[in-house]
Amino acid sequence: MKLDISDIAADFPDFRVAAVVARDLAIPAGRPAGLDALIGDRETTLRARWAGMELSQIPGVAAWRAAYRAFGIKKTSYRSSVERLVKNALAERPLPAINPFVDCYNAVSLAHVFPLGADDLDKVTGDIAFRHARDGDSFQDMAADGREDPPKPGEVVYADGEKVLCRRWNWRQDQRSLVSADTRRAVVTVQANGWGDLEAAVADLTDLLARFCGATTAVTVASAAAPVVDLSQP
């Protein structure tokens, strides 16, 4: 399997993405107490770190607002996944318990202010890419009971060989490849766009996935200098 960002690398030369392939997963049925406490600590730390600041002043949020504007997204209803998480945490709305795998990568997103997303590798077809939308792209919105909602021309998407996995770069995922308690192998993308410590976020993620989901992980990074990379996977 390859990861390809070459279609957008010229327009977004600061974009770097780490693909973390996780295998041998044993995702618990509920959120472990240790993970729950860790998330609570991170929410508290985030509120202390960014207290009194507008969302637009937080560097990790500002970087993605700029990227969204660059491919034509101006509506405030369309924000990066990390902005939604940060906004909720600042408003003291607890991170919802989805499943421990998702909760782990959301905890990393909060701590490092990066967008992260994951897909069940057994539900992914062919290679994966961050690219501009194409005619015929299929997207089934996870937040709208799987309603078909194809991307707009020029929109940056994350896709496999047959469908869009995430619209508006990192806004919302397709329902067909979501990670569930039955997932045994997955790929997580950790996305940086000119701000933050990508390597630290990846180290944090691999640690949490090993501790709470039994994962064995392999990491590959794509950038403008190396836009097409082979992913290590089982």
Protein backbone atom coordinates (compact mmCIF):
# COMPACT_ATOMS: atom_id res chain seq x y z
CA MET A 1 0.00 0.00 0.00
CA LYS A 2 1.20 3.50 -0.86
CA LEU A 3 0.40 6.90 0.62
CA ASP A 4 0.45 9.70 -1.95
CA ILE A 5 0.25 13.46 -1.28
CA SER A 6 1.78 14.55 -4.60
CA ASP A 7 -1.48 16.06 -5.90
CA ILE A 8 -1.51 18.73 -3.16
CA ALA A 9 2.19 19.03 -2.26
CA ALA A 10 2.86 22.03 -4.50
CA ASP A 11 -0.08 23.98 -3.08
CA PHE A 12 0.66 22.98 0.52
CA PRO A 13 4.44 22.54 0.79
CA ASP A 14 4.38 22.53 4.61
CA PHE A 15 2.02 19.55 4.81
CA ARG A 16 3.52 16.48 6.45
CA VAL A 17 1.54 13.39 7.37
CA ALA A 18 2.56 10.39 9.41
CA ALA A 19 0.74 7.18 8.58
CA VAL A 20 0.73 4.90 11.62
CA VAL A 21 -0.22 1.33 10.75
CA ALA A 22 -1.51 -0.45 13.85
CA ARG A 23 -1.97 -4.21 13.92
CA ASP A 24 -2.78 -6.97 16.43
CA LEU A 25 -5.45 -4.70 17.89
CA ALA A 26 -7.50 -5.77 20.91
CA ILE A 27 -9.80 -2.79 21.42
CA PRO A 28 -11.59 -2.95 24.80
CA ALA A 29 -15.37 -2.72 24.93
CA GLY A 30 -15.25 0.39 27.13
CA ARG A 31 -12.84 3.17 27.95
CA PRO A 32 -10.29 1.95 30.55
CA ALA A 33 -10.05 3.98 33.74
CA GLY A 34 -6.43 4.87 33.02
CA LEU A 35 -7.33 6.29 29.60
CA ASP A 36 -10.27 8.16 31.07
CA ALA A 37 -8.00 9.81 33.64
CA LEU A 38 -5.40 10.64 31.01
CA ILE A 39 -8.00 12.33 28.80
CA GLY A 40 -9.29 14.32 31.75
CA ASP A 41 -5.77 15.52 32.50
CA ARG A 42 -5.23 16.54 28.88
CA GLU A 43 -8.47 18.47 28.78
CA THR A 44 -7.44 20.34 31.93
CA THR A 45 -3.97 21.04 30.52
CA LEU A 46 -5.39 22.30 27.24
CA ARG A 47 -7.73 24.71 29.02
CA ALA A 48 -4.85 26.05 31.10
CA ARG A 49 -2.54 26.40 28.09
CA TRP A 50 -4.95 28.26 25.83
CA ALA A 51 -7.12 30.04 28.40
CA GLY A 52 -8.31 33.47 27.27
CA MET A 53 -7.23 32.99 23.66
CA GLU A 54 -9.50 33.10 20.65
CA LEU A 55 -9.54 29.88 18.64
CA SER A 56 -8.04 31.76 15.72
CA GLN A 57 -4.99 32.59 17.87
CA ILE A 58 -4.13 28.97 18.67
CA PRO A 59 -1.37 28.05 16.19
CA GLY A 60 -2.58 24.51 15.46
CA VAL A 61 -6.07 25.81 14.72
CA ALA A 62 -4.88 28.81 12.71
CA ALA A 63 -2.76 26.59 10.45
CA TRP A 64 -5.79 24.60 9.37
CA ARG A 65 -8.07 27.61 8.99
CA ALA A 66 -5.51 28.97 6.53
CA ALA A 67 -5.33 25.66 4.67
CA TYR A 68 -9.11 25.47 4.41
CA ARG A 69 -9.30 29.00 3.01
CA ALA A 70 -6.63 28.08 0.47
CA PHE A 71 -8.87 25.45 -1.12
CA GLY A 72 -12.01 27.58 -0.97
CA ILE A 73 -13.65 26.69 2.35
CA LYS A 74 -14.95 29.87 3.96
CA LYS A 75 -18.01 28.70 5.88
CA THR A 76 -17.49 28.58 9.63
CA SER A 77 -19.56 25.38 9.78
CA TYR A 78 -16.68 23.55 8.09
CA ARG A 79 -13.75 23.35 10.48
CA SER A 80 -10.92 20.87 10.92
CA SER A 81 -11.47 17.99 13.32
CA VAL A 82 -8.87 19.35 15.73
CA GLU A 83 -10.60 22.73 15.95
CA ARG A 84 -13.86 21.03 16.98
CA LEU A 85 -12.06 19.02 19.66
CA VAL A 86 -10.23 22.06 21.04
CA LYS A 87 -13.39 24.17 21.01
CA ASN A 88 -15.31 21.54 22.97
CA ALA A 89 -12.52 21.10 25.51
CA LEU A 90 -12.24 24.85 26.09
CA ALA A 91 -16.01 24.92 26.66
CA GLU A 92 -15.59 22.10 29.23
CA ARG A 93 -17.54 19.62 27.12
CA PRO A 94 -15.91 16.21 27.83
CA LEU A 95 -14.43 14.18 25.01
CA PRO A 96 -17.10 11.61 24.13
CA ALA A 97 -16.22 7.93 24.62
CA ILE A 98 -16.42 6.37 21.14
CA ASN A 99 -14.11 3.40 21.56
CA PRO A 100 -10.67 3.25 23.18
CA PHE A 101 -8.81 3.33 19.85
CA VAL A 102 -10.59 6.49 18.71
CA ASP A 103 -10.33 7.93 22.22
CA CYS A 104 -6.54 7.41 22.14
CA TYR A 105 -6.03 9.33 18.91
CA ASN A 106 -8.41 12.08 20.03
CA ALA A 107 -6.31 12.42 23.20
CA VAL A 108 -3.23 12.90 21.00
CA SER A 109 -5.09 15.45 18.91
CA LEU A 110 -5.94 17.45 22.03
CA ALA A 111 -2.42 17.36 23.42
CA HIS A 112 -0.58 18.25 20.20
CA VAL A 113 -3.28 20.23 18.35
CA PHE A 114 -3.05 18.10 15.21
CA PRO A 115 -5.91 16.55 13.23
CA LEU A 116 -5.88 12.76 13.38
CA GLY A 117 -8.13 10.19 11.74
CA ALA A 118 -8.20 6.43 11.39
CA ASP A 119 -9.60 3.78 9.07
CA ASP A 120 -10.04 0.04 9.38
CA LEU A 121 -7.49 -1.40 6.94
CA ASP A 122 -9.75 -4.32 6.10
CA LYS A 123 -12.25 -1.75 4.78
CA VAL A 124 -9.73 0.24 2.76
CA THR A 125 -9.22 -0.53 -0.94
CA GLY A 126 -5.93 0.01 -2.75
CA ASP A 127 -3.62 2.93 -2.11
CA ILE A 128 -4.50 6.00 -0.04
CA ALA A 129 -3.99 9.65 -0.97
CA PHE A 130 -4.57 13.23 0.05
CA ARG A 131 -5.67 14.79 -3.23
CA HIS A 132 -8.16 17.11 -4.87
CA ALA A 133 -11.67 15.81 -5.40
CA ARG A 134 -12.58 14.20 -8.71
CA ASP A 135 -15.79 13.66 -10.63
CA GLY A 136 -17.46 10.49 -9.43
CA ASP A 137 -15.97 10.54 -5.93
CA SER A 138 -18.19 8.77 -3.42
CA PHE A 139 -18.59 9.85 0.20
CA GLN A 140 -21.09 8.50 2.74
CA ASP A 141 -21.30 10.91 5.65
CA MET A 142 -20.81 9.21 9.03
CA ALA A 143 -22.83 11.98 10.72
CA ALA A 144 -25.80 11.71 8.37
CA ASP A 145 -26.66 7.99 8.49
CA GLY A 146 -24.46 7.29 5.49
CA ARG A 147 -26.09 9.82 3.18
CA GLU A 148 -24.17 10.17 -0.07
CA ASP A 149 -22.55 13.62 -0.08
CA PRO A 150 -19.89 13.88 -2.78
CA PRO A 151 -17.12 16.46 -2.43
CA LYS A 152 -17.06 19.74 -4.34
CA PRO A 153 -14.61 20.46 -7.17
CA GLY A 154 -11.24 21.59 -5.86
CA GLU A 155 -11.85 20.28 -2.36
CA VAL A 156 -8.96 18.48 -0.69
CA VAL A 157 -9.97 14.95 0.33
CA TYR A 158 -8.39 11.84 1.79
CA ALA A 159 -9.31 8.81 -0.30
CA ASP A 160 -8.60 5.20 -1.08
CA GLY A 161 -8.98 3.50 -4.45
CA GLU A 162 -12.76 3.46 -4.42
CA LYS A 163 -14.09 6.12 -2.03
CA VAL A 164 -13.37 9.30 -0.14
CA LEU A 165 -12.35 8.41 3.40
CA CYS A 166 -12.56 11.97 4.71
CA ARG A 167 -14.02 15.14 3.20
CA ARG A 168 -12.51 18.63 3.41
CA TRP A 169 -9.09 17.17 4.24
CA ASN A 170 -9.88 16.30 7.88
CA TRP A 171 -13.43 17.54 8.46
CA ARG A 172 -15.58 14.40 8.53
CA GLN A 173 -15.11 10.69 7.81
CA ASP A 174 -16.92 8.26 5.57
CA GLN A 175 -18.89 5.69 7.54
CA ARG A 176 -17.69 2.69 5.57
CA SER A 177 -14.18 2.46 7.04
CA LEU A 178 -14.69 3.54 10.64
CA VAL A 179 -12.67 1.78 13.34
CA SER A 180 -14.83 -0.36 15.63
CA ALA A 181 -14.29 -2.80 18.47
CA ASP A 182 -13.97 -5.53 15.82
CA THR A 183 -11.09 -3.81 13.99
CA ARG A 184 -7.85 -5.75 14.06
CA ARG A 185 -5.66 -3.47 11.94
CA ALA A 186 -5.97 0.20 11.12
CA VAL A 187 -4.13 3.16 9.66
CA VAL A 188 -4.04 6.45 11.55
CA THR A 189 -2.98 9.70 9.90
CA VAL A 190 -1.32 12.39 12.02
CA GLN A 191 -1.43 15.61 10.03
CA ALA A 192 0.82 18.65 10.38
CA ASN A 193 0.65 21.81 8.31
CA GLY A 194 3.57 24.03 9.22
CA TRP A 195 3.22 24.02 13.00
CA GLY A 196 3.90 21.62 15.85
CA ASP A 197 6.07 18.61 16.63
CA LEU A 198 4.88 15.76 14.43
CA GLU A 199 7.41 13.28 15.79
CA ALA A 200 6.30 13.90 19.38
CA ALA A 201 2.66 13.40 18.44
CA VAL A 202 3.47 10.12 16.69
CA ALA A 203 5.46 8.86 19.68
CA ASP A 204 2.54 9.74 21.95
CA LEU A 205 0.08 7.93 19.66
CA THR A 206 2.10 4.73 19.35
CA ASP A 207 2.53 4.62 23.12
CA LEU A 208 -1.19 5.04 23.83
CA LEU A 209 -2.25 2.51 21.20
CA ALA A 210 0.17 -0.05 22.64
CA ARG A 211 -0.93 0.59 26.23
CA PHE A 212 -4.67 0.63 25.72
CA CYS A 213 -5.29 -1.36 22.50
CA GLY A 214 -2.37 -3.82 22.39
CA ALA A 215 -1.16 -2.38 19.09
CA THR A 216 2.05 -3.10 17.26
CA THR A 217 2.79 -0.08 15.08
CA ALA A 218 4.87 1.02 12.10
CA VAL A 219 5.27 4.65 11.01
CA THR A 220 5.86 6.22 7.61
CA VAL A 221 5.97 9.98 6.91
CA ALA A 222 5.07 11.69 3.62
CA SER A 223 6.09 15.27 2.84
CA ALA A 224 6.62 17.55 -0.14
CA ALA A 225 10.15 16.17 -0.36
CA ALA A 226 8.89 12.56 -0.33
CA PRO A 227 5.26 12.73 -1.48
CA VAL A 228 4.77 9.03 -2.28
CA VAL A 229 5.75 6.49 0.35
CA ASP A 230 5.26 2.77 0.96
CA LEU A 231 3.44 1.89 4.14
CA SER A 232 4.64 -0.86 6.40
CA GLN A 233 1.68 -3.08 7.14
CA PRO A 234 0.89 -6.73 7.89
